[in-house]
Amino acid sequence: TPEQITLERQLRHRLVRLSAALITHPWWATLPTGEQVDARAALQQLHP
């Protein structure tokens, strides 16, 4: 339906924007290169 198309696009757009904001966050540059992968994996394990 037109509503489903709109909602799917909005959610997909938000996923891309949130993902980009996460991976480009300036905090990652403060970590030593060897710790970044482990830190990203730990961040993904956070749950509300």
All heavy atoms as atom14 arrays in JSON, in Angstrom:
{
  "sequence": "TPEQITLERQLRHRLVRLSAALITHPWWATLPTGEQVDARAALQQLHP",
  "atom14_mask": [
    [1, 1, 1, 1, 1, 1, 1, 0, 0, 0, 0, 0, 0, 0],
    [1, 1, 1, 1, 1, 1, 1, 0, 0, 0, 0, 0, 0, 0],
    [1, 1, 1, 1, 1, 1, 1, 1, 1, 0, 0, 0, 0, 0],
    [1, 1, 1, 1, 1, 1, 1, 1, 1, 0, 0, 0, 0, 0],
    [1, 1, 1, 1, 1, 1, 1, 1, 0, 0, 0, 0, 0, 0],
    [1, 1, 1, 1, 1, 1, 1, 0, 0, 0, 0, 0, 0, 0],
    [1, 1, 1, 1, 1, 1, 1, 1, 0, 0, 0, 0, 0, 0],
    [1, 1, 1, 1, 1, 1, 1, 1, 1, 0, 0, 0, 0, 0],
    [1, 1, 1, 1, 1, 1, 1, 1, 1, 1, 1, 0, 0, 0],
    [1, 1, 1, 1, 1, 1, 1, 1, 1, 0, 0, 0, 0, 0],
    [1, 1, 1, 1, 1, 1, 1, 1, 0, 0, 0, 0, 0, 0],
    [1, 1, 1, 1, 1, 1, 1, 1, 1, 1, 1, 0, 0, 0],
    [1, 1, 1, 1, 1, 1, 1, 1, 1, 1, 0, 0, 0, 0],
    [1, 1, 1, 1, 1, 1, 1, 1, 1, 1, 1, 0, 0, 0],
    [1, 1, 1, 1, 1, 1, 1, 1, 0, 0, 0, 0, 0, 0],
    [1, 1, 1, 1, 1, 1, 1, 0, 0, 0, 0, 0, 0, 0],
    [1, 1, 1, 1, 1, 1, 1, 1, 1, 1, 1, 0, 0, 0],
    [1, 1, 1, 1, 1, 1, 1, 1, 0, 0, 0, 0, 0, 0],
    [1, 1, 1, 1, 1, 1, 0, 0, 0, 0, 0, 0, 0, 0],
    [1, 1, 1, 1, 1, 0, 0, 0, 0, 0, 0, 0, 0, 0],
    [1, 1, 1, 1, 1, 0, 0, 0, 0, 0, 0, 0, 0, 0],
    [1, 1, 1, 1, 1, 1, 1, 1, 0, 0, 0, 0, 0, 0],
    [1, 1, 1, 1, 1, 1, 1, 1, 0, 0, 0, 0, 0, 0],
    [1, 1, 1, 1, 1, 1, 1, 0, 0, 0, 0, 0, 0, 0],
    [1, 1, 1, 1, 1, 1, 1, 1, 1, 1, 0, 0, 0, 0],
    [1, 1, 1, 1, 1, 1, 1, 0, 0, 0, 0, 0, 0, 0],
    [1, 1, 1, 1, 1, 1, 1, 1, 1, 1, 1, 1, 1, 1],
    [1, 1, 1, 1, 1, 1, 1, 1, 1, 1, 1, 1, 1, 1],
    [1, 1, 1, 1, 1, 0, 0, 0, 0, 0, 0, 0, 0, 0],
    [1, 1, 1, 1, 1, 1, 1, 0, 0, 0, 0, 0, 0, 0],
    [1, 1, 1, 1, 1, 1, 1, 1, 0, 0, 0, 0, 0, 0],
    [1, 1, 1, 1, 1, 1, 1, 0, 0, 0, 0, 0, 0, 0],
    [1, 1, 1, 1, 1, 1, 1, 0, 0, 0, 0, 0, 0, 0],
    [1, 1, 1, 1, 0, 0, 0, 0, 0, 0, 0, 0, 0, 0],
    [1, 1, 1, 1, 1, 1, 1, 1, 1, 0, 0, 0, 0, 0],
    [1, 1, 1, 1, 1, 1, 1, 1, 1, 0, 0, 0, 0, 0],
    [1, 1, 1, 1, 1, 1, 1, 0, 0, 0, 0, 0, 0, 0],
    [1, 1, 1, 1, 1, 1, 1, 1, 0, 0, 0, 0, 0, 0],
    [1, 1, 1, 1, 1, 0, 0, 0, 0, 0, 0, 0, 0, 0],
    [1, 1, 1, 1, 1, 1, 1, 1, 1, 1, 1, 0, 0, 0],
    [1, 1, 1, 1, 1, 0, 0, 0, 0, 0, 0, 0, 0, 0],
    [1, 1, 1, 1, 1, 0, 0, 0, 0, 0, 0, 0, 0, 0],
    [1, 1, 1, 1, 1, 1, 1, 1, 0, 0, 0, 0, 0, 0],
    [1, 1, 1, 1, 1, 1, 1, 1, 1, 0, 0, 0, 0, 0],
    [1, 1, 1, 1, 1, 1, 1, 1, 1, 0, 0, 0, 0, 0],
    [1, 1, 1, 1, 1, 1, 1, 1, 0, 0, 0, 0, 0, 0],
    [1, 1, 1, 1, 1, 1, 1, 1, 1, 1, 0, 0, 0, 0],
    [1, 1, 1, 1, 1, 1, 1, 0, 0, 0, 0, 0, 0, 0]
  ],
  "atom14_positions": [
    [[0.86, -1.18, 0.0], [0.0, 0.0, 0.0], [0.91, 1.24, 0.0], [2.09, 1.15, 0.36], [-0.9, 0.04, 1.25], [-0.05, 0.18, 2.41], [-1.76, -1.21, 1.37], [0.0, 0.0, 0.0], [0.0, 0.0, 0.0], [0.0, 0.0, 0.0], [0.0, 0.0, 0.0], [0.0, 0.0, 0.0], [0.0, 0.0, 0.0], [0.0, 0.0, 0.0]],
    [[0.38, 2.39, -0.38], [1.2, 3.61, -0.32], [1.75, 3.87, 1.09], [2.88, 4.32, 1.25], [0.25, 4.72, -0.76], [-0.76, 4.01, -1.61], [-0.92, 2.64, -1.0], [0.0, 0.0, 0.0], [0.0, 0.0, 0.0], [0.0, 0.0, 0.0], [0.0, 0.0, 0.0], [0.0, 0.0, 0.0], [0.0, 0.0, 0.0], [0.0, 0.0, 0.0]],
    [[0.97, 3.55, 2.12], [1.43, 3.74, 3.49], [2.6, 2.81, 3.81], [3.56, 3.2, 4.48], [0.29, 3.49, 4.5], [-0.85, 4.48, 4.4], [-1.83, 4.16, 3.27], [-1.84, 3.02, 2.75], [-2.6, 5.07, 2.9], [0.0, 0.0, 0.0], [0.0, 0.0, 0.0], [0.0, 0.0, 0.0], [0.0, 0.0, 0.0], [0.0, 0.0, 0.0]],
    [[2.53, 1.56, 3.34], [3.61, 0.61, 3.57], [4.89, 1.05, 2.85], [5.99, 0.95, 3.41], [3.22, -0.8, 3.11], [2.17, -1.45, 3.98], [1.65, -2.74, 3.38], [1.52, -2.87, 2.16], [1.33, -3.7, 4.24], [0.0, 0.0, 0.0], [0.0, 0.0, 0.0], [0.0, 0.0, 0.0], [0.0, 0.0, 0.0], [0.0, 0.0, 0.0]],
    [[4.73, 1.55, 1.64], [5.9, 2.04, 0.89], [6.56, 3.19, 1.64], [7.78, 3.21, 1.82], [5.49, 2.48, -0.53], [5.1, 1.25, -1.36], [6.6, 3.26, -1.21], [4.47, 1.59, -2.69], [0.0, 0.0, 0.0], [0.0, 0.0, 0.0], [0.0, 0.0, 0.0], [0.0, 0.0, 0.0], [0.0, 0.0, 0.0], [0.0, 0.0, 0.0]],
    [[5.76, 4.13, 2.12], [6.29, 5.28, 2.84], [6.98, 4.86, 4.13], [8.1, 5.3, 4.42], [5.15, 6.28, 3.15], [4.56, 6.69, 1.92], [5.66, 7.48, 3.91], [0.0, 0.0, 0.0], [0.0, 0.0, 0.0], [0.0, 0.0, 0.0], [0.0, 0.0, 0.0], [0.0, 0.0, 0.0], [0.0, 0.0, 0.0], [0.0, 0.0, 0.0]],
    [[6.33, 3.99, 4.9], [6.9, 3.55, 6.17], [8.19, 2.77, 5.95], [9.19, 2.96, 6.66], [5.89, 2.7, 6.95], [6.34, 2.24, 8.33], [6.73, 3.42, 9.21], [5.22, 1.43, 8.98], [0.0, 0.0, 0.0], [0.0, 0.0, 0.0], [0.0, 0.0, 0.0], [0.0, 0.0, 0.0], [0.0, 0.0, 0.0], [0.0, 0.0, 0.0]],
    [[8.22, 1.9, 4.94], [9.43, 1.12, 4.66], [10.58, 2.05, 4.3], [11.7, 1.89, 4.78], [9.16, 0.12, 3.53], [10.27, -0.88, 3.31], [11.39, -0.39, 2.41], [11.15, 0.54, 1.61], [12.5, -0.92, 2.5], [0.0, 0.0, 0.0], [0.0, 0.0, 0.0], [0.0, 0.0, 0.0], [0.0, 0.0, 0.0], [0.0, 0.0, 0.0]],
    [[10.31, 3.04, 3.47], [11.36, 3.99, 3.07], [11.87, 4.8, 4.26], [13.06, 5.03, 4.4], [10.85, 4.92, 1.98], [10.77, 4.27, 0.64], [10.3, 5.24, -0.42], [10.2, 4.56, -1.71], [9.47, 4.98, -2.7], [8.78, 6.1, -2.61], [9.42, 4.31, -3.84], [0.0, 0.0, 0.0], [0.0, 0.0, 0.0], [0.0, 0.0, 0.0]],
    [[10.93, 5.24, 5.11], [11.33, 6.04, 6.27], [12.2, 5.23, 7.22], [13.24, 5.71, 7.69], [10.09, 6.55, 7.02], [9.34, 7.62, 6.3], [8.03, 7.97, 6.98], [7.51, 7.21, 7.82], [7.47, 9.11, 6.61], [0.0, 0.0, 0.0], [0.0, 0.0, 0.0], [0.0, 0.0, 0.0], [0.0, 0.0, 0.0], [0.0, 0.0, 0.0]],
    [[11.78, 4.01, 7.51], [12.56, 3.17, 8.42], [13.92, 2.83, 7.84], [14.94, 2.87, 8.55], [11.78, 1.91, 8.79], [10.59, 2.11, 9.72], [9.8, 0.82, 9.87], [11.04, 2.64, 11.07], [0.0, 0.0, 0.0], [0.0, 0.0, 0.0], [0.0, 0.0, 0.0], [0.0, 0.0, 0.0], [0.0, 0.0, 0.0], [0.0, 0.0, 0.0]],
    [[13.96, 2.5, 6.55], [15.24, 2.17, 5.91], [16.16, 3.39, 5.94], [17.36, 3.28, 6.22], [15.01, 1.7, 4.47], [16.28, 1.21, 3.79], [16.0, 0.48, 2.49], [14.79, 0.83, 1.82], [14.68, 1.75, 0.86], [15.74, 2.44, 0.47], [13.53, 1.98, 0.28], [0.0, 0.0, 0.0], [0.0, 0.0, 0.0], [0.0, 0.0, 0.0]],
    [[15.61, 4.57, 5.67], [16.4, 5.8, 5.7], [16.95, 6.04, 7.11], [18.12, 6.42, 7.27], [15.53, 6.98, 5.24], [16.24, 8.28, 5.21], [17.19, 8.6, 4.26], [16.16, 9.36, 6.04], [17.65, 9.81, 4.5], [17.05, 10.29, 5.58], [0.0, 0.0, 0.0], [0.0, 0.0, 0.0], [0.0, 0.0, 0.0], [0.0, 0.0, 0.0]],
    [[16.12, 5.84, 8.13], [16.59, 6.02, 9.51], [17.68, 5.02, 9.85], [18.64, 5.35, 10.54], [15.43, 5.88, 10.49], [14.5, 7.08, 10.41], [13.59, 7.19, 11.57], [14.37, 7.54, 12.75], [13.94, 7.34, 13.99], [12.77, 6.79, 14.2], [14.69, 7.67, 15.02], [0.0, 0.0, 0.0], [0.0, 0.0, 0.0], [0.0, 0.0, 0.0]],
    [[17.55, 3.78, 9.37], [18.6, 2.78, 9.61], [19.93, 3.23, 9.03], [20.98, 3.12, 9.68], [18.21, 1.43, 9.01], [17.22, 0.59, 9.78], [16.81, -0.63, 8.96], [17.79, 0.17, 11.11], [0.0, 0.0, 0.0], [0.0, 0.0, 0.0], [0.0, 0.0, 0.0], [0.0, 0.0, 0.0], [0.0, 0.0, 0.0], [0.0, 0.0, 0.0]],
    [[19.9, 3.73, 7.82], [21.13, 4.18, 7.18], [21.71, 5.37, 7.93], [22.93, 5.43, 8.19], [20.87, 4.53, 5.69], [22.05, 5.24, 5.07], [20.52, 3.27, 4.91], [0.0, 0.0, 0.0], [0.0, 0.0, 0.0], [0.0, 0.0, 0.0], [0.0, 0.0, 0.0], [0.0, 0.0, 0.0], [0.0, 0.0, 0.0], [0.0, 0.0, 0.0]],
    [[20.89, 6.34, 8.29], [21.37, 7.53, 8.99], [21.94, 7.17, 10.35], [23.0, 7.68, 10.75], [20.24, 8.55, 9.15], [19.7, 9.16, 7.87], [20.62, 10.2, 7.26], [20.94, 11.29, 8.16], [20.3, 12.44, 8.22], [19.3, 12.68, 7.42], [20.69, 13.36, 9.08], [0.0, 0.0, 0.0], [0.0, 0.0, 0.0], [0.0, 0.0, 0.0]],
    [[21.26, 6.32, 11.11], [21.76, 5.91, 12.42], [23.07, 5.14, 12.3], [24.0, 5.35, 13.08], [20.71, 5.08, 13.17], [19.52, 5.86, 13.72], [18.41, 4.9, 14.14], [19.94, 6.73, 14.89], [0.0, 0.0, 0.0], [0.0, 0.0, 0.0], [0.0, 0.0, 0.0], [0.0, 0.0, 0.0], [0.0, 0.0, 0.0], [0.0, 0.0, 0.0]],
    [[23.12, 4.23, 11.32], [24.36, 3.46, 11.11], [25.52, 4.38, 10.77], [26.63, 4.22, 11.3], [24.16, 2.44, 9.99], [23.18, 1.5, 10.34], [0.0, 0.0, 0.0], [0.0, 0.0, 0.0], [0.0, 0.0, 0.0], [0.0, 0.0, 0.0], [0.0, 0.0, 0.0], [0.0, 0.0, 0.0], [0.0, 0.0, 0.0], [0.0, 0.0, 0.0]],
    [[25.28, 5.34, 9.9], [26.33, 6.28, 9.51], [26.78, 7.12, 10.71], [27.97, 7.34, 10.92], [25.85, 7.18, 8.38], [0.0, 0.0, 0.0], [0.0, 0.0, 0.0], [0.0, 0.0, 0.0], [0.0, 0.0, 0.0], [0.0, 0.0, 0.0], [0.0, 0.0, 0.0], [0.0, 0.0, 0.0], [0.0, 0.0, 0.0], [0.0, 0.0, 0.0]],
    [[25.82, 7.56, 11.52], [26.17, 8.36, 12.7], [26.99, 7.53, 13.69], [27.92, 8.05, 14.32], [24.9, 8.88, 13.37], [0.0, 0.0, 0.0], [0.0, 0.0, 0.0], [0.0, 0.0, 0.0], [0.0, 0.0, 0.0], [0.0, 0.0, 0.0], [0.0, 0.0, 0.0], [0.0, 0.0, 0.0], [0.0, 0.0, 0.0], [0.0, 0.0, 0.0]],
    [[26.68, 6.26, 13.8], [27.43, 5.38, 14.7], [28.86, 5.16, 14.24], [29.8, 5.31, 15.01], [26.74, 4.01, 14.79], [25.74, 3.84, 15.91], [24.94, 2.57, 15.71], [26.44, 3.8, 17.24], [0.0, 0.0, 0.0], [0.0, 0.0, 0.0], [0.0, 0.0, 0.0], [0.0, 0.0, 0.0], [0.0, 0.0, 0.0], [0.0, 0.0, 0.0]],
    [[29.02, 4.8, 12.98], [30.36, 4.43, 12.52], [31.27, 5.62, 12.28], [32.48, 5.46, 12.24], [30.31, 3.54, 11.26], [29.73, 4.28, 10.08], [29.57, 2.25, 11.53], [29.81, 3.51, 8.78], [0.0, 0.0, 0.0], [0.0, 0.0, 0.0], [0.0, 0.0, 0.0], [0.0, 0.0, 0.0], [0.0, 0.0, 0.0], [0.0, 0.0, 0.0]],
    [[30.7, 6.82, 12.16], [31.53, 8.0, 11.96], [31.65, 8.85, 13.23], [32.18, 9.96, 13.17], [30.97, 8.87, 10.82], [29.64, 9.3, 11.16], [30.95, 8.11, 9.51], [0.0, 0.0, 0.0], [0.0, 0.0, 0.0], [0.0, 0.0, 0.0], [0.0, 0.0, 0.0], [0.0, 0.0, 0.0], [0.0, 0.0, 0.0], [0.0, 0.0, 0.0]],
    [[31.16, 8.35, 14.35], [31.22, 9.1, 15.61], [32.68, 9.39, 15.95], [33.54, 8.53, 15.85], [30.55, 8.3, 16.73], [30.25, 9.11, 17.93], [31.21, 9.43, 18.86], [29.09, 9.68, 18.36], [30.66, 10.16, 19.82], [29.37, 10.32, 19.53], [0.0, 0.0, 0.0], [0.0, 0.0, 0.0], [0.0, 0.0, 0.0], [0.0, 0.0, 0.0]],
    [[32.98, 10.62, 16.36], [34.37, 10.99, 16.64], [35.02, 10.19, 17.77], [36.24, 10.1, 17.85], [34.29, 12.47, 17.02], [32.88, 12.88, 16.89], [32.05, 11.72, 16.48], [0.0, 0.0, 0.0], [0.0, 0.0, 0.0], [0.0, 0.0, 0.0], [0.0, 0.0, 0.0], [0.0, 0.0, 0.0], [0.0, 0.0, 0.0], [0.0, 0.0, 0.0]],
    [[34.23, 9.58, 18.64], [34.8, 8.81, 19.75], [35.67, 7.66, 19.27], [36.66, 7.32, 19.91], [33.68, 8.28, 20.66], [34.21, 7.57, 21.86], [34.72, 8.14, 22.99], [34.31, 6.16, 22.05], [35.11, 7.17, 23.87], [34.87, 5.94, 23.32], [33.98, 5.06, 21.28], [35.11, 4.68, 23.83], [34.21, 3.8, 21.79], [34.77, 3.61, 23.05]],
    [[35.34, 7.08, 18.13], [36.12, 5.95, 17.63], [37.58, 6.33, 17.4], [38.49, 5.51, 17.56], [35.51, 5.38, 16.36], [34.14, 4.84, 16.56], [32.98, 5.32, 16.01], [33.74, 3.73, 17.39], [31.9, 4.6, 16.45], [32.34, 3.62, 17.29], [34.42, 2.86, 18.21], [31.62, 2.64, 17.98], [33.71, 1.87, 18.88], [32.33, 1.77, 18.77]],
    [[37.84, 7.58, 17.04], [39.21, 8.02, 16.78], [40.04, 8.1, 18.06], [41.27, 8.13, 18.0], [39.2, 9.38, 16.09], [0.0, 0.0, 0.0], [0.0, 0.0, 0.0], [0.0, 0.0, 0.0], [0.0, 0.0, 0.0], [0.0, 0.0, 0.0], [0.0, 0.0, 0.0], [0.0, 0.0, 0.0], [0.0, 0.0, 0.0], [0.0, 0.0, 0.0]],
    [[39.39, 8.11, 19.21], [40.13, 8.17, 20.48], [40.66, 6.81, 20.91], [41.46, 6.74, 21.83], [39.24, 8.74, 21.61], [38.18, 7.82, 21.89], [38.66, 10.1, 21.21], [0.0, 0.0, 0.0], [0.0, 0.0, 0.0], [0.0, 0.0, 0.0], [0.0, 0.0, 0.0], [0.0, 0.0, 0.0], [0.0, 0.0, 0.0], [0.0, 0.0, 0.0]],
    [[40.19, 5.75, 20.28], [40.63, 4.4, 20.63], [41.86, 3.99, 19.83], [41.96, 4.33, 18.65], [39.53, 3.38, 20.34], [38.31, 3.37, 21.23], [37.35, 2.29, 20.76], [38.68, 3.14, 22.68], [0.0, 0.0, 0.0], [0.0, 0.0, 0.0], [0.0, 0.0, 0.0], [0.0, 0.0, 0.0], [0.0, 0.0, 0.0], [0.0, 0.0, 0.0]],
    [[42.74, 3.21, 20.43], [43.82, 2.64, 19.63], [43.23, 1.72, 18.56], [42.19, 1.09, 18.78], [44.63, 1.82, 20.64], [44.23, 2.35, 21.99], [42.85, 2.89, 21.84], [0.0, 0.0, 0.0], [0.0, 0.0, 0.0], [0.0, 0.0, 0.0], [0.0, 0.0, 0.0], [0.0, 0.0, 0.0], [0.0, 0.0, 0.0], [0.0, 0.0, 0.0]],
    [[43.85, 1.67, 17.42], [43.33, 0.91, 16.28], [42.99, -0.53, 16.65], [41.98, -1.07, 16.24], [44.33, 0.93, 15.12], [44.62, 2.29, 14.81], [43.77, 0.24, 13.89], [0.0, 0.0, 0.0], [0.0, 0.0, 0.0], [0.0, 0.0, 0.0], [0.0, 0.0, 0.0], [0.0, 0.0, 0.0], [0.0, 0.0, 0.0], [0.0, 0.0, 0.0]],
    [[43.81, -1.16, 17.45], [43.6, -2.56, 17.82], [42.38, -2.79, 18.69], [41.88, -3.91, 18.78], [0.0, 0.0, 0.0], [0.0, 0.0, 0.0], [0.0, 0.0, 0.0], [0.0, 0.0, 0.0], [0.0, 0.0, 0.0], [0.0, 0.0, 0.0], [0.0, 0.0, 0.0], [0.0, 0.0, 0.0], [0.0, 0.0, 0.0], [0.0, 0.0, 0.0]],
    [[41.87, -1.76, 19.33], [40.71, -1.91, 20.22], [39.39, -1.56, 19.55], [38.33, -1.82, 20.1], [40.88, -1.01, 21.45], [42.0, -1.42, 22.36], [42.1, -0.51, 23.57], [41.08, 0.13, 23.92], [43.17, -0.43, 24.16], [0.0, 0.0, 0.0], [0.0, 0.0, 0.0], [0.0, 0.0, 0.0], [0.0, 0.0, 0.0], [0.0, 0.0, 0.0]],
    [[39.43, -0.98, 18.37], [38.19, -0.49, 17.75], [37.22, -1.61, 17.4], [36.02, -1.48, 17.63], [38.52, 0.34, 16.51], [39.15, 1.66, 16.85], [39.52, 2.47, 15.64], [39.33, 2.04, 14.51], [40.06, 3.66, 15.86], [0.0, 0.0, 0.0], [0.0, 0.0, 0.0], [0.0, 0.0, 0.0], [0.0, 0.0, 0.0], [0.0, 0.0, 0.0]],
    [[37.72, -2.7, 16.87], [36.82, -3.8, 16.48], [36.12, -4.38, 17.7], [34.91, -4.59, 17.69], [37.6, -4.9, 15.72], [36.72, -6.12, 15.48], [38.11, -4.35, 14.39], [0.0, 0.0, 0.0], [0.0, 0.0, 0.0], [0.0, 0.0, 0.0], [0.0, 0.0, 0.0], [0.0, 0.0, 0.0], [0.0, 0.0, 0.0], [0.0, 0.0, 0.0]],
    [[36.89, -4.62, 18.77], [36.29, -5.16, 19.99], [35.29, -4.18, 20.59], [34.23, -4.58, 21.09], [37.37, -5.51, 21.02], [38.21, -6.7, 20.59], [37.72, -7.52, 19.77], [39.35, -6.82, 21.06], [0.0, 0.0, 0.0], [0.0, 0.0, 0.0], [0.0, 0.0, 0.0], [0.0, 0.0, 0.0], [0.0, 0.0, 0.0], [0.0, 0.0, 0.0]],
    [[35.61, -2.9, 20.55], [34.7, -1.89, 21.1], [33.41, -1.82, 20.28], [32.31, -1.72, 20.84], [35.39, -0.52, 21.12], [0.0, 0.0, 0.0], [0.0, 0.0, 0.0], [0.0, 0.0, 0.0], [0.0, 0.0, 0.0], [0.0, 0.0, 0.0], [0.0, 0.0, 0.0], [0.0, 0.0, 0.0], [0.0, 0.0, 0.0], [0.0, 0.0, 0.0]],
    [[33.52, -1.9, 18.96], [32.31, -1.87, 18.13], [31.44, -3.09, 18.41], [30.22, -3.0, 18.49], [32.67, -1.79, 16.65], [33.19, -0.44, 16.24], [33.53, -0.41, 14.76], [34.38, 0.71, 14.43], [33.95, 1.82, 13.84], [32.69, 1.95, 13.51], [34.78, 2.8, 13.57], [0.0, 0.0, 0.0], [0.0, 0.0, 0.0], [0.0, 0.0, 0.0]],
    [[32.08, -4.25, 18.57], [31.32, -5.47, 18.89], [30.65, -5.34, 20.26], [29.49, -5.75, 20.42], [32.25, -6.68, 18.85], [0.0, 0.0, 0.0], [0.0, 0.0, 0.0], [0.0, 0.0, 0.0], [0.0, 0.0, 0.0], [0.0, 0.0, 0.0], [0.0, 0.0, 0.0], [0.0, 0.0, 0.0], [0.0, 0.0, 0.0], [0.0, 0.0, 0.0]],
    [[31.34, -4.76, 21.23], [30.75, -4.57, 22.56], [29.57, -3.6, 22.5], [28.55, -3.82, 23.15], [31.81, -4.06, 23.53], [0.0, 0.0, 0.0], [0.0, 0.0, 0.0], [0.0, 0.0, 0.0], [0.0, 0.0, 0.0], [0.0, 0.0, 0.0], [0.0, 0.0, 0.0], [0.0, 0.0, 0.0], [0.0, 0.0, 0.0], [0.0, 0.0, 0.0]],
    [[29.7, -2.55, 21.72], [28.62, -1.57, 21.6], [27.38, -2.22, 20.99], [26.26, -1.95, 21.42], [29.05, -0.38, 20.75], [28.02, 0.72, 20.57], [27.7, 1.38, 21.91], [28.5, 1.75, 19.57], [0.0, 0.0, 0.0], [0.0, 0.0, 0.0], [0.0, 0.0, 0.0], [0.0, 0.0, 0.0], [0.0, 0.0, 0.0], [0.0, 0.0, 0.0]],
    [[27.56, -3.1, 20.03], [26.42, -3.77, 19.4], [25.68, -4.68, 20.37], [24.51, -4.99, 20.14], [26.88, -4.57, 18.19], [27.34, -3.71, 17.05], [27.93, -4.51, 15.91], [28.04, -5.72, 15.97], [28.31, -3.82, 14.85], [0.0, 0.0, 0.0], [0.0, 0.0, 0.0], [0.0, 0.0, 0.0], [0.0, 0.0, 0.0], [0.0, 0.0, 0.0]],
    [[26.33, -5.09, 21.44], [25.69, -5.97, 22.42], [24.85, -5.22, 23.44], [24.18, -5.85, 24.25], [26.76, -6.81, 23.14], [27.55, -7.7, 22.23], [26.68, -8.63, 21.41], [25.76, -9.26, 21.93], [26.93, -8.7, 20.11], [0.0, 0.0, 0.0], [0.0, 0.0, 0.0], [0.0, 0.0, 0.0], [0.0, 0.0, 0.0], [0.0, 0.0, 0.0]],
    [[24.88, -3.89, 23.41], [24.06, -3.11, 24.33], [22.58, -3.34, 24.05], [22.16, -3.4, 22.91], [24.35, -1.62, 24.18], [25.68, -1.11, 24.69], [25.77, 0.39, 24.42], [25.84, -1.39, 26.16], [0.0, 0.0, 0.0], [0.0, 0.0, 0.0], [0.0, 0.0, 0.0], [0.0, 0.0, 0.0], [0.0, 0.0, 0.0], [0.0, 0.0, 0.0]],
    [[21.82, -3.47, 25.11], [20.37, -3.64, 24.98], [19.7, -2.67, 25.93], [20.22, -2.4, 27.02], [19.95, -5.07, 25.29], [20.53, -6.05, 24.33], [20.1, -6.16, 23.02], [21.55, -6.94, 24.45], [20.8, -7.07, 22.4], [21.69, -7.57, 23.24], [0.0, 0.0, 0.0], [0.0, 0.0, 0.0], [0.0, 0.0, 0.0], [0.0, 0.0, 0.0]],
    [[18.54, -2.17, 25.56], [17.86, -1.23, 26.45], [17.52, -1.89, 27.78], [17.06, -3.03, 27.81], [16.59, -0.83, 25.7], [16.56, -1.62, 24.45], [17.82, -2.42, 24.34], [0.0, 0.0, 0.0], [0.0, 0.0, 0.0], [0.0, 0.0, 0.0], [0.0, 0.0, 0.0], [0.0, 0.0, 0.0], [0.0, 0.0, 0.0], [0.0, 0.0, 0.0]]
  ]
}
